[in-house]
Structures are given as C-alpha cells and as structure tokens.
C-alpha cells in the first residue's frame, strides 16, 4: 500500500539467535531493496487469536503508538 513502511516482527525459536544485521544481509539477495523491512522487532511472543493467527492489527497499532521504539 502506498505510504506504508515494511517492518518485520520476529519470534525466534528457543535457543535460536539472529540479529538485524544478519537478517538484512540474508534478505538483500532475496528481495528488492524497497521490500526489505525498515525495522525489525524481536518479540518473545507474537499476539495471536484463539485459532493461532497472528493479530497483525495489534502489531500495527503498537507500532503506530510508538510502543516498540
């Protein structure tokens, strides 16, 4: 959508590690530059509904409110 900035919300598996730098390097050869997220947010747990789907609206609202800064 015009005017939206791509961001990534990441929930790592237990005992897994990754950094924003590593993810950017990995994505550089796989995505067009404008598709690479501008921000990477590492979360302990993604908000989900009763059926297990990620609540994207909740994440979007938190970003808009500056809760991840």
PDB file of N, CA and C in Angstrom:
ATOM      1  N   UNK A   1       0.855  -1.176   0.000  1.00  0.00           N
ATOM      2  CA  UNK A   1       0.000   0.000   0.000  1.00  0.00           C
ATOM      3  C   UNK A   1       0.893   1.228   0.000  1.00  0.00           C
ATOM      4  N   UNK A   2       0.543   2.193  -0.793  1.00  0.00           N
ATOM      5  CA  UNK A   2       1.319   3.418  -0.890  1.00  0.00           C
ATOM      6  C   UNK A   2       1.387   4.109   0.466  1.00  0.00           C
ATOM      7  N   UNK A   3       2.588   4.469   0.876  1.00  0.00           N
ATOM      8  CA  UNK A   3       2.762   5.187   2.126  1.00  0.00           C
ATOM      9  C   UNK A   3       3.063   4.311   3.326  1.00  0.00           C
ATOM     10  N   UNK A   4       2.957   3.010   3.206  1.00  0.00           N
ATOM     11  CA  UNK A   4       3.280   2.130   4.322  1.00  0.00           C
ATOM     12  C   UNK A   4       4.745   1.729   4.252  1.00  0.00           C
ATOM     13  N   UNK A   5       5.341   1.539   5.419  1.00  0.00           N
ATOM     14  CA  UNK A   5       6.749   1.159   5.514  1.00  0.00           C
ATOM     15  C   UNK A   5       6.811  -0.290   5.984  1.00  0.00           C
ATOM     16  N   UNK A   6       7.546  -1.146   5.264  1.00  0.00           N
ATOM     17  CA  UNK A   6       7.625  -2.546   5.691  1.00  0.00           C
ATOM     18  C   UNK A   6       8.440  -2.700   6.972  1.00  0.00           C
ATOM     19  N   UNK A   7       7.907  -3.484   7.892  1.00  0.00           N
ATOM     20  CA  UNK A   7       8.602  -3.832   9.125  1.00  0.00           C
ATOM     21  C   UNK A   7       8.466  -5.339   9.320  1.00  0.00           C
ATOM     22  N   UNK A   8       9.314  -5.899  10.167  1.00  0.00           N
ATOM     23  CA  UNK A   8       9.253  -7.338  10.441  1.00  0.00           C
ATOM     24  C   UNK A   8       9.131  -7.561  11.943  1.00  0.00           C
ATOM     25  N   UNK A   9       8.241  -8.461  12.314  1.00  0.00           N
ATOM     26  CA  UNK A   9       8.097  -8.887  13.697  1.00  0.00           C
ATOM     27  C   UNK A   9       8.619 -10.315  13.758  1.00  0.00           C
ATOM     28  N   UNK A  10       9.572 -10.542  14.636  1.00  0.00           N
ATOM     29  CA  UNK A  10      10.262 -11.823  14.642  1.00  0.00           C
ATOM     30  C   UNK A  10      10.152 -12.470  16.012  1.00  0.00           C
ATOM     31  N   UNK A  11       9.703 -13.710  16.007  1.00  0.00           N
ATOM     32  CA  UNK A  11       9.690 -14.533  17.207  1.00  0.00           C
ATOM     33  C   UNK A  11      10.621 -15.703  16.924  1.00  0.00           C
ATOM     34  N   UNK A  12      11.761 -15.693  17.578  1.00  0.00           N
ATOM     35  CA  UNK A  12      12.737 -16.753  17.356  1.00  0.00           C
ATOM     36  C   UNK A  12      12.350 -18.002  18.137  1.00  0.00           C
ATOM     37  N   UNK A  13      12.733 -19.137  17.592  1.00  0.00           N
ATOM     38  CA  UNK A  13      12.539 -20.390  18.310  1.00  0.00           C
ATOM     39  C   UNK A  13      13.487 -20.408  19.509  1.00  0.00           C
ATOM     40  N   UNK A  14      13.158 -21.236  20.483  1.00  0.00           N
ATOM     41  CA  UNK A  14      14.018 -21.362  21.647  1.00  0.00           C
ATOM     42  C   UNK A  14      15.429 -21.728  21.214  1.00  0.00           C
ATOM     43  N   UNK A  15      16.402 -21.119  21.846  1.00  0.00           N
ATOM     44  CA  UNK A  15      17.822 -21.357  21.577  1.00  0.00           C
ATOM     45  C   UNK A  15      18.271 -20.904  20.194  1.00  0.00           C
ATOM     46  N   UNK A  16      17.456 -20.165  19.475  1.00  0.00           N
ATOM     47  CA  UNK A  16      17.850 -19.608  18.176  1.00  0.00           C
ATOM     48  C   UNK A  16      18.277 -18.164  18.380  1.00  0.00           C
ATOM     49  N   UNK A  17      19.220 -17.726  17.547  1.00  0.00           N
ATOM     50  CA  UNK A  17      19.700 -16.353  17.634  1.00  0.00           C
ATOM     51  C   UNK A  17      19.766 -15.762  16.236  1.00  0.00           C
ATOM     52  N   UNK A  18      19.467 -14.488  16.146  1.00  0.00           N
ATOM     53  CA  UNK A  18      19.584 -13.758  14.885  1.00  0.00           C
ATOM     54  C   UNK A  18      19.676 -12.280  15.228  1.00  0.00           C
ATOM     55  N   UNK A  19      20.348 -11.549  14.371  1.00  0.00           N
ATOM     56  CA  UNK A  19      20.451 -10.109  14.561  1.00  0.00           C
ATOM     57  C   UNK A  19      19.831  -9.407  13.361  1.00  0.00           C
ATOM     58  N   UNK A  20      19.553  -8.141  13.541  1.00  0.00           N
ATOM     59  CA  UNK A  20      19.008  -7.356  12.439  1.00  0.00           C
ATOM     60  C   UNK A  20      19.995  -7.333  11.278  1.00  0.00           C
ATOM     61  N   UNK A  21      21.269  -7.217  11.574  1.00  0.00           N
ATOM     62  CA  UNK A  21      22.295  -7.190  10.529  1.00  0.00           C
ATOM     63  C   UNK A  21      22.296  -8.486   9.726  1.00  0.00           C
ATOM     64  N   UNK A  22      22.214  -9.612  10.408  1.00  0.00           N
ATOM     65  CA  UNK A  22      22.185 -10.907   9.719  1.00  0.00           C
ATOM     66  C   UNK A  22      20.955 -11.029   8.823  1.00  0.00           C
ATOM     67  N   UNK A  23      19.825 -10.589   9.322  1.00  0.00           N
ATOM     68  CA  UNK A  23      18.594 -10.676   8.537  1.00  0.00           C
ATOM     69  C   UNK A  23      18.654  -9.772   7.310  1.00  0.00           C
ATOM     70  N   UNK A  24      19.175  -8.567   7.480  1.00  0.00           N
ATOM     71  CA  UNK A  24      19.306  -7.654   6.333  1.00  0.00           C
ATOM     72  C   UNK A  24      20.219  -8.256   5.259  1.00  0.00           C
ATOM     73  N   UNK A  25      21.325  -8.832   5.692  1.00  0.00           N
ATOM     74  CA  UNK A  25      22.266  -9.449   4.750  1.00  0.00           C
ATOM     75  C   UNK A  25      21.590 -10.604   4.007  1.00  0.00           C
ATOM     76  N   UNK A  26      20.837 -11.424   4.720  1.00  0.00           N
ATOM     77  CA  UNK A  26      20.139 -12.554   4.118  1.00  0.00           C
ATOM     78  C   UNK A  26      19.106 -12.080   3.091  1.00  0.00           C
ATOM     79  N   UNK A  27      18.354 -11.045   3.438  1.00  0.00           N
ATOM     80  CA  UNK A  27      17.276 -10.563   2.570  1.00  0.00           C
ATOM     81  C   UNK A  27      17.769  -9.762   1.374  1.00  0.00           C
ATOM     82  N   UNK A  28      18.964  -9.215   1.473  1.00  0.00           N
ATOM     83  CA  UNK A  28      19.499  -8.356   0.415  1.00  0.00           C
ATOM     84  C   UNK A  28      19.491  -9.038  -0.953  1.00  0.00           C
ATOM     85  N   UNK A  29      19.818 -10.311  -1.002  1.00  0.00           N
ATOM     86  CA  UNK A  29      19.870 -11.050  -2.267  1.00  0.00           C
ATOM     87  C   UNK A  29      18.536 -11.704  -2.634  1.00  0.00           C
ATOM     88  N   UNK A  30      17.560 -11.618  -1.738  1.00  0.00           N
ATOM     89  CA  UNK A  30      16.294 -12.318  -1.965  1.00  0.00           C
ATOM     90  C   UNK A  30      15.118 -11.389  -2.257  1.00  0.00           C
ATOM     91  N   UNK A  31      15.231 -10.133  -1.841  1.00  0.00           N
ATOM     92  CA  UNK A  31      14.130  -9.181  -2.017  1.00  0.00           C
ATOM     93  C   UNK A  31      14.621  -7.899  -2.673  1.00  0.00           C
ATOM     94  N   UNK A  32      13.716  -7.229  -3.337  1.00  0.00           N
ATOM     95  CA  UNK A  32      14.031  -5.894  -3.852  1.00  0.00           C
ATOM     96  C   UNK A  32      14.281  -4.987  -2.647  1.00  0.00           C
ATOM     97  N   UNK A  33      15.140  -4.003  -2.816  1.00  0.00           N
ATOM     98  CA  UNK A  33      15.525  -3.132  -1.708  1.00  0.00           C
ATOM     99  C   UNK A  33      14.318  -2.501  -1.016  1.00  0.00           C
ATOM    100  N   UNK A  34      13.318  -2.090  -1.783  1.00  0.00           N
ATOM    101  CA  UNK A  34      12.163  -1.429  -1.174  1.00  0.00           C
ATOM    102  C   UNK A  34      11.291  -2.390  -0.371  1.00  0.00           C
ATOM    103  N   UNK A  35      11.482  -3.695  -0.547  1.00  0.00           N
ATOM    104  CA  UNK A  35      10.698  -4.684   0.190  1.00  0.00           C
ATOM    105  C   UNK A  35      11.372  -5.114   1.492  1.00  0.00           C
ATOM    106  N   UNK A  36      12.629  -4.778   1.661  1.00  0.00           N
ATOM    107  CA  UNK A  36      13.340  -5.149   2.884  1.00  0.00           C
ATOM    108  C   UNK A  36      12.801  -4.293   4.029  1.00  0.00           C
ATOM    109  N   UNK A  37      12.426  -4.930   5.132  1.00  0.00           N
ATOM    110  CA  UNK A  37      11.865  -4.167   6.251  1.00  0.00           C
ATOM    111  C   UNK A  37      12.808  -3.067   6.731  1.00  0.00           C
ATOM    112  N   UNK A  38      12.212  -1.941   7.085  1.00  0.00           N
ATOM    113  CA  UNK A  38      12.992  -0.816   7.615  1.00  0.00           C
ATOM    114  C   UNK A  38      13.311  -1.031   9.084  1.00  0.00           C
ATOM    115  N   UNK A  39      12.446  -1.764   9.775  1.00  0.00           N
ATOM    116  CA  UNK A  39      12.644  -2.045  11.196  1.00  0.00           C
ATOM    117  C   UNK A  39      12.384  -3.526  11.438  1.00  0.00           C
ATOM    118  N   UNK A  40      13.152  -4.095  12.350  1.00  0.00           N
ATOM    119  CA  UNK A  40      12.971  -5.479  12.772  1.00  0.00           C
ATOM    120  C   UNK A  40      12.665  -5.455  14.267  1.00  0.00           C
ATOM    121  N   UNK A  41      11.541  -6.030  14.644  1.00  0.00           N
ATOM    122  CA  UNK A  41      11.141  -6.071  16.045  1.00  0.00           C
ATOM    123  C   UNK A  41      11.185  -7.522  16.514  1.00  0.00           C
ATOM    124  N   UNK A  42      12.054  -7.793  17.484  1.00  0.00           N
ATOM    125  CA  UNK A  42      12.183  -9.135  18.041  1.00  0.00           C
ATOM    126  C   UNK A  42      11.270  -9.227  19.262  1.00  0.00           C
ATOM    127  N   UNK A  43      10.325 -10.152  19.213  1.00  0.00           N
ATOM    128  CA  UNK A  43       9.345 -10.316  20.284  1.00  0.00           C
ATOM    129  C   UNK A  43       9.464 -11.701  20.900  1.00  0.00           C
ATOM    130  N   UNK A  44       9.187 -11.771  22.203  1.00  0.00           N
ATOM    131  CA  UNK A  44       9.165 -13.076  22.865  1.00  0.00           C
ATOM    132  C   UNK A  44       8.009 -13.915  22.345  1.00  0.00           C
ATOM    133  N   UNK A  45       6.900 -13.225  22.062  1.00  0.00           N
ATOM    134  CA  UNK A  45       5.713 -13.934  21.577  1.00  0.00           C
ATOM    135  C   UNK A  45       4.879 -12.995  20.712  1.00  0.00           C
ATOM    136  N   UNK A  46       4.400 -13.504  19.601  1.00  0.00           N
ATOM    137  CA  UNK A  46       3.524 -12.728  18.728  1.00  0.00           C
ATOM    138  C   UNK A  46       2.089 -12.833  19.238  1.00  0.00           C
ATOM    139  N   UNK A  47       1.331 -11.727  19.208  1.00  0.00           N
ATOM    140  CA  UNK A  47      -0.069 -11.815  19.642  1.00  0.00           C
ATOM    141  C   UNK A  47      -0.885 -12.628  18.640  1.00  0.00           C
ATOM    142  N   UNK A  48      -1.663 -13.569  19.170  1.00  0.00           N
ATOM    143  CA  UNK A  48      -2.455 -14.447  18.303  1.00  0.00           C
ATOM    144  C   UNK A  48      -3.884 -14.533  18.804  1.00  0.00           C
ATOM    145  N   UNK A  49      -4.786 -14.858  17.874  1.00  0.00           N
ATOM    146  CA  UNK A  49      -6.185 -15.057  18.264  1.00  0.00           C
ATOM    147  C   UNK A  49      -6.381 -16.511  18.697  1.00  0.00           C
ATOM    148  N   UNK A  50      -7.610 -16.874  18.994  1.00  0.00           N
ATOM    149  CA  UNK A  50      -7.921 -18.213  19.503  1.00  0.00           C
ATOM    150  C   UNK A  50      -7.559 -19.326  18.527  1.00  0.00           C
ATOM    151  N   UNK A  51      -7.541 -19.025  17.226  1.00  0.00           N
ATOM    152  CA  UNK A  51      -7.207 -20.054  16.239  1.00  0.00           C
ATOM    153  C   UNK A  51      -5.722 -20.059  15.882  1.00  0.00           C
ATOM    154  N   UNK A  52      -4.934 -19.193  16.526  1.00  0.00           N
ATOM    155  CA  UNK A  52      -3.493 -19.190  16.304  1.00  0.00           C
ATOM    156  C   UNK A  52      -3.000 -18.248  15.226  1.00  0.00           C
ATOM    157  N   UNK A  53      -3.884 -17.437  14.670  1.00  0.00           N
ATOM    158  CA  UNK A  53      -3.456 -16.484  13.637  1.00  0.00           C
ATOM    159  C   UNK A  53      -2.867 -15.240  14.297  1.00  0.00           C
ATOM    160  N   UNK A  54      -1.805 -14.712  13.698  1.00  0.00           N
ATOM    161  CA  UNK A  54      -1.156 -13.519  14.232  1.00  0.00           C
ATOM    162  C   UNK A  54      -2.088 -12.320  14.078  1.00  0.00           C
ATOM    163  N   UNK A  55      -2.202 -11.551  15.143  1.00  0.00           N
ATOM    164  CA  UNK A  55      -3.052 -10.362  15.142  1.00  0.00           C
ATOM    165  C   UNK A  55      -2.256  -9.173  14.595  1.00  0.00           C
ATOM    166  N   UNK A  56      -2.242  -9.064  13.275  1.00  0.00           N
ATOM    167  CA  UNK A  56      -1.467  -8.005  12.618  1.00  0.00           C
ATOM    168  C   UNK A  56      -1.954  -6.615  13.017  1.00  0.00           C
ATOM    169  N   UNK A  57      -3.237  -6.479  13.210  1.00  0.00           N
ATOM    170  CA  UNK A  57      -3.806  -5.185  13.600  1.00  0.00           C
ATOM    171  C   UNK A  57      -3.216  -4.714  14.933  1.00  0.00           C
ATOM    172  N   UNK A  58      -3.064  -5.636  15.881  1.00  0.00           N
ATOM    173  CA  UNK A  58      -2.495  -5.303  17.190  1.00  0.00           C
ATOM    174  C   UNK A  58      -1.052  -4.835  17.025  1.00  0.00           C
ATOM    175  N   UNK A  59      -0.292  -5.542  16.214  1.00  0.00           N
ATOM    176  CA  UNK A  59       1.097  -5.152  15.978  1.00  0.00           C
ATOM    177  C   UNK A  59       1.173  -3.787  15.299  1.00  0.00           C
ATOM    178  N   UNK A  60       0.342  -3.572  14.302  1.00  0.00           N
ATOM    179  CA  UNK A  60       0.317  -2.287  13.584  1.00  0.00           C
ATOM    180  C   UNK A  60      -0.018  -1.145  14.540  1.00  0.00           C
ATOM    181  N   UNK A  61      -1.010  -1.359  15.406  1.00  0.00           N
ATOM    182  CA  UNK A  61      -1.402  -0.326  16.367  1.00  0.00           C
ATOM    183  C   UNK A  61      -0.263  -0.002  17.332  1.00  0.00           C
ATOM    184  N   UNK A  62       0.455  -1.019  17.785  1.00  0.00           N
ATOM    185  CA  UNK A  62       1.570  -0.792  18.712  1.00  0.00           C
ATOM    186  C   UNK A  62       2.693  -0.004  18.046  1.00  0.00           C
ATOM    187  N   UNK A  63       2.962  -0.285  16.786  1.00  0.00           N
ATOM    188  CA  UNK A  63       3.981   0.477  16.057  1.00  0.00           C
ATOM    189  C   UNK A  63       3.530   1.924  15.917  1.00  0.00           C
ATOM    190  N   UNK A  64       2.279   2.135  15.536  1.00  0.00           N
ATOM    191  CA  UNK A  64       1.753   3.491  15.355  1.00  0.00           C
ATOM    192  C   UNK A  64       1.767   4.294  16.652  1.00  0.00           C
ATOM    193  N   UNK A  65       1.619   3.610  17.790  1.00  0.00           N
ATOM    194  CA  UNK A  65       1.649   4.280  19.095  1.00  0.00           C
ATOM    195  C   UNK A  65       3.077   4.463  19.610  1.00  0.00           C
ATOM    196  N   UNK A  66       4.065   3.918  18.902  1.00  0.00           N
ATOM    197  CA  UNK A  66       5.455   4.050  19.321  1.00  0.00           C
ATOM    198  C   UNK A  66       5.855   3.127  20.456  1.00  0.00           C
ATOM    199  N   UNK A  67       5.114   2.050  20.658  1.00  0.00           N
ATOM    200  CA  UNK A  67       5.393   1.141  21.768  1.00  0.00           C
ATOM    201  C   UNK A  67       6.638   0.283  21.555  1.00  0.00           C
ATOM    202  N   UNK A  68       7.145   0.216  20.348  1.00  0.00           N
ATOM    203  CA  UNK A  68       8.325  -0.602  20.081  1.00  0.00           C
ATOM    204  C   UNK A  68       9.598   0.223  19.938  1.00  0.00           C
ATOM    205  N   UNK A  69       9.503   1.529  20.077  1.00  0.00           N
ATOM    206  CA  UNK A  69      10.688   2.381  19.889  1.00  0.00           C
ATOM    207  C   UNK A  69      11.647   2.273  21.046  1.00  0.00           C
TER     208      UNK A  69
END
